[in-house]
Amino acid sequence: MKSKLLFMVILSVLFLSLSAIAQPAHPNGGSNPGAGNQPVGGGSAPLGGGVALLLTLASAYGARKITAFRRP
């Protein structure tokens, strides 16, 4: 009985979480991408924070590799 209850709880959590990651509605109401007031391709997607984070992590990784290479 406990295993059936556990199975049902896990199954319900799985299905409820799948609905939480659904994509939002199209900003033009589902029409053609060029038909509304939204530019094709996103237009104003924020890139600043992600690029800075990527460059910081890449430089830290490179510095670690260089110091590891120079060790005897």
PDB file of N, CA and C in Angstrom:
ATOM      1  N   MET A   1       0.817  -1.191   0.000  1.00  0.00           N
ATOM      2  CA  MET A   1       0.000   0.000   0.000  1.00  0.00           C
ATOM      3  C   MET A   1       0.867   1.263   0.000  1.00  0.00           C
ATOM      4  N   LYS A   2       1.963   1.231   0.778  1.00  0.00           N
ATOM      5  CA  LYS A   2       2.842   2.387   0.821  1.00  0.00           C
ATOM      6  C   LYS A   2       3.521   2.624  -0.516  1.00  0.00           C
ATOM      7  N   SER A   3       3.874   1.554  -1.191  1.00  0.00           N
ATOM      8  CA  SER A   3       4.555   1.723  -2.475  1.00  0.00           C
ATOM      9  C   SER A   3       3.606   2.311  -3.524  1.00  0.00           C
ATOM     10  N   LYS A   4       2.337   1.956  -3.483  1.00  0.00           N
ATOM     11  CA  LYS A   4       1.365   2.533  -4.412  1.00  0.00           C
ATOM     12  C   LYS A   4       1.168   4.017  -4.135  1.00  0.00           C
ATOM     13  N   LEU A   5       1.109   4.359  -2.860  1.00  0.00           N
ATOM     14  CA  LEU A   5       0.957   5.768  -2.500  1.00  0.00           C
ATOM     15  C   LEU A   5       2.177   6.575  -2.928  1.00  0.00           C
ATOM     16  N   LEU A   6       3.357   6.033  -2.698  1.00  0.00           N
ATOM     17  CA  LEU A   6       4.582   6.701  -3.108  1.00  0.00           C
ATOM     18  C   LEU A   6       4.631   6.855  -4.625  1.00  0.00           C
ATOM     19  N   PHE A   7       4.229   5.828  -5.347  1.00  0.00           N
ATOM     20  CA  PHE A   7       4.193   5.885  -6.801  1.00  0.00           C
ATOM     21  C   PHE A   7       3.237   6.966  -7.279  1.00  0.00           C
ATOM     22  N   MET A   8       2.072   7.061  -6.670  1.00  0.00           N
ATOM     23  CA  MET A   8       1.094   8.075  -7.068  1.00  0.00           C
ATOM     24  C   MET A   8       1.591   9.483  -6.760  1.00  0.00           C
ATOM     25  N   VAL A   9       2.271   9.652  -5.640  1.00  0.00           N
ATOM     26  CA  VAL A   9       2.806  10.967  -5.291  1.00  0.00           C
ATOM     27  C   VAL A   9       3.891  11.373  -6.282  1.00  0.00           C
ATOM     28  N   ILE A  10       4.785  10.465  -6.598  1.00  0.00           N
ATOM     29  CA  ILE A  10       5.859  10.758  -7.554  1.00  0.00           C
ATOM     30  C   ILE A  10       5.279  11.047  -8.931  1.00  0.00           C
ATOM     31  N   LEU A  11       4.296  10.298  -9.346  1.00  0.00           N
ATOM     32  CA  LEU A  11       3.670  10.504 -10.643  1.00  0.00           C
ATOM     33  C   LEU A  11       2.957  11.849 -10.707  1.00  0.00           C
ATOM     34  N   SER A  12       2.254  12.218  -9.658  1.00  0.00           N
ATOM     35  CA  SER A  12       1.559  13.502  -9.667  1.00  0.00           C
ATOM     36  C   SER A  12       2.545  14.671  -9.646  1.00  0.00           C
ATOM     37  N   VAL A  13       3.635  14.551  -8.897  1.00  0.00           N
ATOM     38  CA  VAL A  13       4.641  15.611  -8.887  1.00  0.00           C
ATOM     39  C   VAL A  13       5.274  15.739 -10.263  1.00  0.00           C
ATOM     40  N   LEU A  14       5.516  14.632 -10.932  1.00  0.00           N
ATOM     41  CA  LEU A  14       6.101  14.659 -12.269  1.00  0.00           C
ATOM     42  C   LEU A  14       5.187  15.387 -13.245  1.00  0.00           C
ATOM     43  N   PHE A  15       3.915  15.056 -13.252  1.00  0.00           N
ATOM     44  CA  PHE A  15       2.996  15.692 -14.189  1.00  0.00           C
ATOM     45  C   PHE A  15       2.749  17.153 -13.852  1.00  0.00           C
ATOM     46  N   LEU A  16       2.745  17.505 -12.583  1.00  0.00           N
ATOM     47  CA  LEU A  16       2.566  18.907 -12.216  1.00  0.00           C
ATOM     48  C   LEU A  16       3.788  19.729 -12.578  1.00  0.00           C
ATOM     49  N   SER A  17       4.966  19.143 -12.484  1.00  0.00           N
ATOM     50  CA  SER A  17       6.176  19.888 -12.829  1.00  0.00           C
ATOM     51  C   SER A  17       6.298  20.070 -14.340  1.00  0.00           C
ATOM     52  N   LEU A  18       5.758  19.157 -15.120  1.00  0.00           N
ATOM     53  CA  LEU A  18       5.812  19.308 -16.570  1.00  0.00           C
ATOM     54  C   LEU A  18       4.991  20.501 -17.030  1.00  0.00           C
ATOM     55  N   SER A  19       3.887  20.791 -16.365  1.00  0.00           N
ATOM     56  CA  SER A  19       3.084  21.944 -16.754  1.00  0.00           C
ATOM     57  C   SER A  19       3.743  23.244 -16.333  1.00  0.00           C
ATOM     58  N   ALA A  20       4.650  23.204 -15.365  1.00  0.00           N
ATOM     59  CA  ALA A  20       5.323  24.417 -14.907  1.00  0.00           C
ATOM     60  C   ALA A  20       6.396  24.880 -15.883  1.00  0.00           C
ATOM     61  N   ILE A  21       6.904  23.999 -16.744  1.00  0.00           N
ATOM     62  CA  ILE A  21       7.946  24.394 -17.688  1.00  0.00           C
ATOM     63  C   ILE A  21       7.392  24.619 -19.091  1.00  0.00           C
ATOM     64  N   ALA A  22       6.095  24.843 -19.186  1.00  0.00           N
ATOM     65  CA  ALA A  22       5.483  25.101 -20.484  1.00  0.00           C
ATOM     66  C   ALA A  22       5.934  26.458 -21.009  1.00  0.00           C
ATOM     67  N   GLN A  23       5.985  26.591 -22.312  1.00  0.00           N
ATOM     68  CA  GLN A  23       6.415  27.846 -22.919  1.00  0.00           C
ATOM     69  C   GLN A  23       5.279  28.857 -22.864  1.00  0.00           C
ATOM     70  N   PRO A  24       5.601  30.138 -22.718  1.00  0.00           N
ATOM     71  CA  PRO A  24       4.554  31.161 -22.708  1.00  0.00           C
ATOM     72  C   PRO A  24       3.955  31.344 -24.099  1.00  0.00           C
ATOM     73  N   ALA A  25       2.833  32.027 -24.144  1.00  0.00           N
ATOM     74  CA  ALA A  25       2.163  32.263 -25.420  1.00  0.00           C
ATOM     75  C   ALA A  25       2.995  33.182 -26.308  1.00  0.00           C
ATOM     76  N   HIS A  26       2.803  33.071 -27.597  1.00  0.00           N
ATOM     77  CA  HIS A  26       3.520  33.896 -28.558  1.00  0.00           C
ATOM     78  C   HIS A  26       3.060  35.348 -28.418  1.00  0.00           C
ATOM     79  N   PRO A  27       3.982  36.320 -28.435  1.00  0.00           N
ATOM     80  CA  PRO A  27       3.591  37.718 -28.221  1.00  0.00           C
ATOM     81  C   PRO A  27       2.701  38.285 -29.328  1.00  0.00           C
ATOM     82  N   ASN A  28       2.737  37.712 -30.519  1.00  0.00           N
ATOM     83  CA  ASN A  28       1.890  38.192 -31.610  1.00  0.00           C
ATOM     84  C   ASN A  28       0.547  37.475 -31.646  1.00  0.00           C
ATOM     85  N   GLY A  29       0.262  36.669 -30.663  1.00  0.00           N
ATOM     86  CA  GLY A  29      -1.015  35.974 -30.641  1.00  0.00           C
ATOM     87  C   GLY A  29      -1.047  34.754 -31.536  1.00  0.00           C
ATOM     88  N   GLY A  30       0.089  34.216 -31.917  1.00  0.00           N
ATOM     89  CA  GLY A  30       0.135  33.008 -32.730  1.00  0.00           C
ATOM     90  C   GLY A  30       0.166  33.260 -34.215  1.00  0.00           C
ATOM     91  N   SER A  31       0.189  34.517 -34.644  1.00  0.00           N
ATOM     92  CA  SER A  31       0.237  34.799 -36.075  1.00  0.00           C
ATOM     93  C   SER A  31       1.672  34.666 -36.587  1.00  0.00           C
ATOM     94  N   ASN A  32       1.903  35.076 -37.798  1.00  0.00           N
ATOM     95  CA  ASN A  32       3.237  34.998 -38.393  1.00  0.00           C
ATOM     96  C   ASN A  32       4.227  35.822 -37.578  1.00  0.00           C
ATOM     97  N   PRO A  33       5.493  35.400 -37.503  1.00  0.00           N
ATOM     98  CA  PRO A  33       6.469  36.128 -36.689  1.00  0.00           C
ATOM     99  C   PRO A  33       6.676  37.577 -37.108  1.00  0.00           C
ATOM    100  N   GLY A  34       6.575  37.887 -38.371  1.00  0.00           N
ATOM    101  CA  GLY A  34       6.787  39.253 -38.826  1.00  0.00           C
ATOM    102  C   GLY A  34       5.526  40.092 -38.874  1.00  0.00           C
ATOM    103  N   ALA A  35       4.373  39.532 -38.481  1.00  0.00           N
ATOM    104  CA  ALA A  35       3.108  40.236 -38.628  1.00  0.00           C
ATOM    105  C   ALA A  35       2.828  41.217 -37.496  1.00  0.00           C
ATOM    106  N   GLY A  36       3.339  40.988 -36.310  1.00  0.00           N
ATOM    107  CA  GLY A  36       3.032  41.850 -35.173  1.00  0.00           C
ATOM    108  C   GLY A  36       4.066  42.930 -34.952  1.00  0.00           C
ATOM    109  N   ASN A  37       4.069  43.455 -33.731  1.00  0.00           N
ATOM    110  CA  ASN A  37       5.014  44.515 -33.415  1.00  0.00           C
ATOM    111  C   ASN A  37       6.303  43.986 -32.797  1.00  0.00           C
ATOM    112  N   GLN A  38       6.442  42.685 -32.624  1.00  0.00           N
ATOM    113  CA  GLN A  38       7.649  42.084 -32.080  1.00  0.00           C
ATOM    114  C   GLN A  38       8.624  41.786 -33.216  1.00  0.00           C
ATOM    115  N   PRO A  39       9.900  42.157 -33.074  1.00  0.00           N
ATOM    116  CA  PRO A  39      10.877  41.841 -34.120  1.00  0.00           C
ATOM    117  C   PRO A  39      11.163  40.339 -34.177  1.00  0.00           C
ATOM    118  N   VAL A  40      11.472  39.863 -35.350  1.00  0.00           N
ATOM    119  CA  VAL A  40      11.787  38.453 -35.526  1.00  0.00           C
ATOM    120  C   VAL A  40      13.131  38.162 -34.870  1.00  0.00           C
ATOM    121  N   GLY A  41      13.212  37.127 -34.045  1.00  0.00           N
ATOM    122  CA  GLY A  41      14.461  36.756 -33.406  1.00  0.00           C
ATOM    123  C   GLY A  41      14.610  37.261 -31.988  1.00  0.00           C
ATOM    124  N   GLY A  42      13.611  37.891 -31.433  1.00  0.00           N
ATOM    125  CA  GLY A  42      13.676  38.317 -30.041  1.00  0.00           C
ATOM    126  C   GLY A  42      13.947  39.788 -29.874  1.00  0.00           C
ATOM    127  N   GLY A  43      14.824  40.356 -30.646  1.00  0.00           N
ATOM    128  CA  GLY A  43      15.053  41.786 -30.609  1.00  0.00           C
ATOM    129  C   GLY A  43      15.806  42.296 -29.402  1.00  0.00           C
ATOM    130  N   SER A  44      15.194  42.302 -28.249  1.00  0.00           N
ATOM    131  CA  SER A  44      15.809  42.945 -27.086  1.00  0.00           C
ATOM    132  C   SER A  44      16.162  41.935 -26.002  1.00  0.00           C
ATOM    133  N   ALA A  45      16.778  40.848 -26.372  1.00  0.00           N
ATOM    134  CA  ALA A  45      17.182  39.846 -25.389  1.00  0.00           C
ATOM    135  C   ALA A  45      18.389  40.361 -24.609  1.00  0.00           C
ATOM    136  N   PRO A  46      18.355  40.304 -23.271  1.00  0.00           N
ATOM    137  CA  PRO A  46      19.481  40.794 -22.487  1.00  0.00           C
ATOM    138  C   PRO A  46      20.678  39.848 -22.582  1.00  0.00           C
ATOM    139  N   LEU A  47      21.836  40.376 -22.938  1.00  0.00           N
ATOM    140  CA  LEU A  47      23.029  39.552 -23.095  1.00  0.00           C
ATOM    141  C   LEU A  47      24.149  39.957 -22.149  1.00  0.00           C
ATOM    142  N   GLY A  48      24.078  41.107 -21.545  1.00  0.00           N
ATOM    143  CA  GLY A  48      25.179  41.653 -20.774  1.00  0.00           C
ATOM    144  C   GLY A  48      25.644  40.772 -19.632  1.00  0.00           C
ATOM    145  N   GLY A  49      24.754  40.346 -18.750  1.00  0.00           N
ATOM    146  CA  GLY A  49      25.148  39.563 -17.586  1.00  0.00           C
ATOM    147  C   GLY A  49      25.695  38.202 -17.941  1.00  0.00           C
ATOM    148  N   GLY A  50      25.107  37.555 -18.903  1.00  0.00           N
ATOM    149  CA  GLY A  50      25.558  36.225 -19.289  1.00  0.00           C
ATOM    150  C   GLY A  50      26.917  36.241 -19.953  1.00  0.00           C
ATOM    151  N   VAL A  51      27.159  37.230 -20.780  1.00  0.00           N
ATOM    152  CA  VAL A  51      28.452  37.334 -21.459  1.00  0.00           C
ATOM    153  C   VAL A  51      29.546  37.629 -20.448  1.00  0.00           C
ATOM    154  N   ALA A  52      29.278  38.526 -19.506  1.00  0.00           N
ATOM    155  CA  ALA A  52      30.269  38.860 -18.482  1.00  0.00           C
ATOM    156  C   ALA A  52      30.584  37.639 -17.617  1.00  0.00           C
ATOM    157  N   LEU A  53      29.567  36.888 -17.259  1.00  0.00           N
ATOM    158  CA  LEU A  53      29.776  35.682 -16.463  1.00  0.00           C
ATOM    159  C   LEU A  53      30.584  34.650 -17.245  1.00  0.00           C
ATOM    160  N   LEU A  54      30.268  34.471 -18.509  1.00  0.00           N
ATOM    161  CA  LEU A  54      30.995  33.522 -19.345  1.00  0.00           C
ATOM    162  C   LEU A  54      32.460  33.905 -19.486  1.00  0.00           C
ATOM    163  N   LEU A  55      32.729  35.182 -19.719  1.00  0.00           N
ATOM    164  CA  LEU A  55      34.114  35.627 -19.860  1.00  0.00           C
ATOM    165  C   LEU A  55      34.883  35.497 -18.548  1.00  0.00           C
ATOM    166  N   THR A  56      34.237  35.784 -17.421  1.00  0.00           N
ATOM    167  CA  THR A  56      34.887  35.649 -16.121  1.00  0.00           C
ATOM    168  C   THR A  56      35.245  34.199 -15.836  1.00  0.00           C
ATOM    169  N   LEU A  57      34.304  33.296 -16.065  1.00  0.00           N
ATOM    170  CA  LEU A  57      34.573  31.881 -15.815  1.00  0.00           C
ATOM    171  C   LEU A  57      35.618  31.327 -16.776  1.00  0.00           C
ATOM    172  N   ALA A  58      35.591  31.783 -18.029  1.00  0.00           N
ATOM    173  CA  ALA A  58      36.583  31.310 -18.997  1.00  0.00           C
ATOM    174  C   ALA A  58      37.981  31.790 -18.636  1.00  0.00           C
ATOM    175  N   SER A  59      38.099  33.022 -18.163  1.00  0.00           N
ATOM    176  CA  SER A  59      39.425  33.515 -17.781  1.00  0.00           C
ATOM    177  C   SER A  59      39.925  32.827 -16.517  1.00  0.00           C
ATOM    178  N   ALA A  60      39.037  32.529 -15.582  1.00  0.00           N
ATOM    179  CA  ALA A  60      39.443  31.800 -14.378  1.00  0.00           C
ATOM    180  C   ALA A  60      39.891  30.381 -14.732  1.00  0.00           C
ATOM    181  N   TYR A  61      39.186  29.751 -15.639  1.00  0.00           N
ATOM    182  CA  TYR A  61      39.554  28.404 -16.077  1.00  0.00           C
ATOM    183  C   TYR A  61      40.906  28.425 -16.793  1.00  0.00           C
ATOM    184  N   GLY A  62      41.120  29.415 -17.640  1.00  0.00           N
ATOM    185  CA  GLY A  62      42.396  29.537 -18.339  1.00  0.00           C
ATOM    186  C   GLY A  62      43.547  29.803 -17.387  1.00  0.00           C
ATOM    187  N   ALA A  63      43.312  30.655 -16.385  1.00  0.00           N
ATOM    188  CA  ALA A  63      44.362  30.928 -15.397  1.00  0.00           C
ATOM    189  C   ALA A  63      44.693  29.674 -14.596  1.00  0.00           C
ATOM    190  N   ARG A  64      43.701  28.893 -14.280  1.00  0.00           N
ATOM    191  CA  ARG A  64      43.936  27.633 -13.553  1.00  0.00           C
ATOM    192  C   ARG A  64      44.743  26.660 -14.404  1.00  0.00           C
ATOM    193  N   LYS A  65      44.417  26.578 -15.676  1.00  0.00           N
ATOM    194  CA  LYS A  65      45.156  25.687 -16.562  1.00  0.00           C
ATOM    195  C   LYS A  65      46.610  26.135 -16.734  1.00  0.00           C
ATOM    196  N   ILE A  66      46.837  27.424 -16.838  1.00  0.00           N
ATOM    197  CA  ILE A  66      48.196  27.940 -16.996  1.00  0.00           C
ATOM    198  C   ILE A  66      49.022  27.660 -15.744  1.00  0.00           C
ATOM    199  N   THR A  67      48.445  27.904 -14.562  1.00  0.00           N
ATOM    200  CA  THR A  67      49.193  27.636 -13.328  1.00  0.00           C
ATOM    201  C   THR A  67      49.451  26.148 -13.149  1.00  0.00           C
ATOM    202  N   ALA A  68      48.533  25.311 -13.568  1.00  0.00           N
ATOM    203  CA  ALA A  68      48.739  23.866 -13.466  1.00  0.00           C
ATOM    204  C   ALA A  68      49.816  23.401 -14.450  1.00  0.00           C
ATOM    205  N   PHE A  69      49.902  24.047 -15.598  1.00  0.00           N
ATOM    206  CA  PHE A  69      50.907  23.685 -16.600  1.00  0.00           C
ATOM    207  C   PHE A  69      52.304  24.097 -16.158  1.00  0.00           C
ATOM    208  N   ARG A  70      52.424  25.205 -15.447  1.00  0.00           N
ATOM    209  CA  ARG A  70      53.730  25.716 -15.024  1.00  0.00           C
ATOM    210  C   ARG A  70      54.282  24.995 -13.801  1.00  0.00           C
ATOM    211  N   ARG A  71      53.489  24.256 -13.087  1.00  0.00           N
ATOM    212  CA  ARG A  71      53.975  23.536 -11.898  1.00  0.00           C
ATOM    213  C   ARG A  71      54.881  22.385 -12.332  1.00  0.00           C
ATOM    214  N   PRO A  72      55.957  22.172 -11.546  1.00  0.00           N
ATOM    215  CA  PRO A  72      56.884  21.078 -11.907  1.00  0.00           C
ATOM    216  C   PRO A  72      56.315  19.707 -11.610  1.00  0.00           C
TER     217      PRO A  72
END
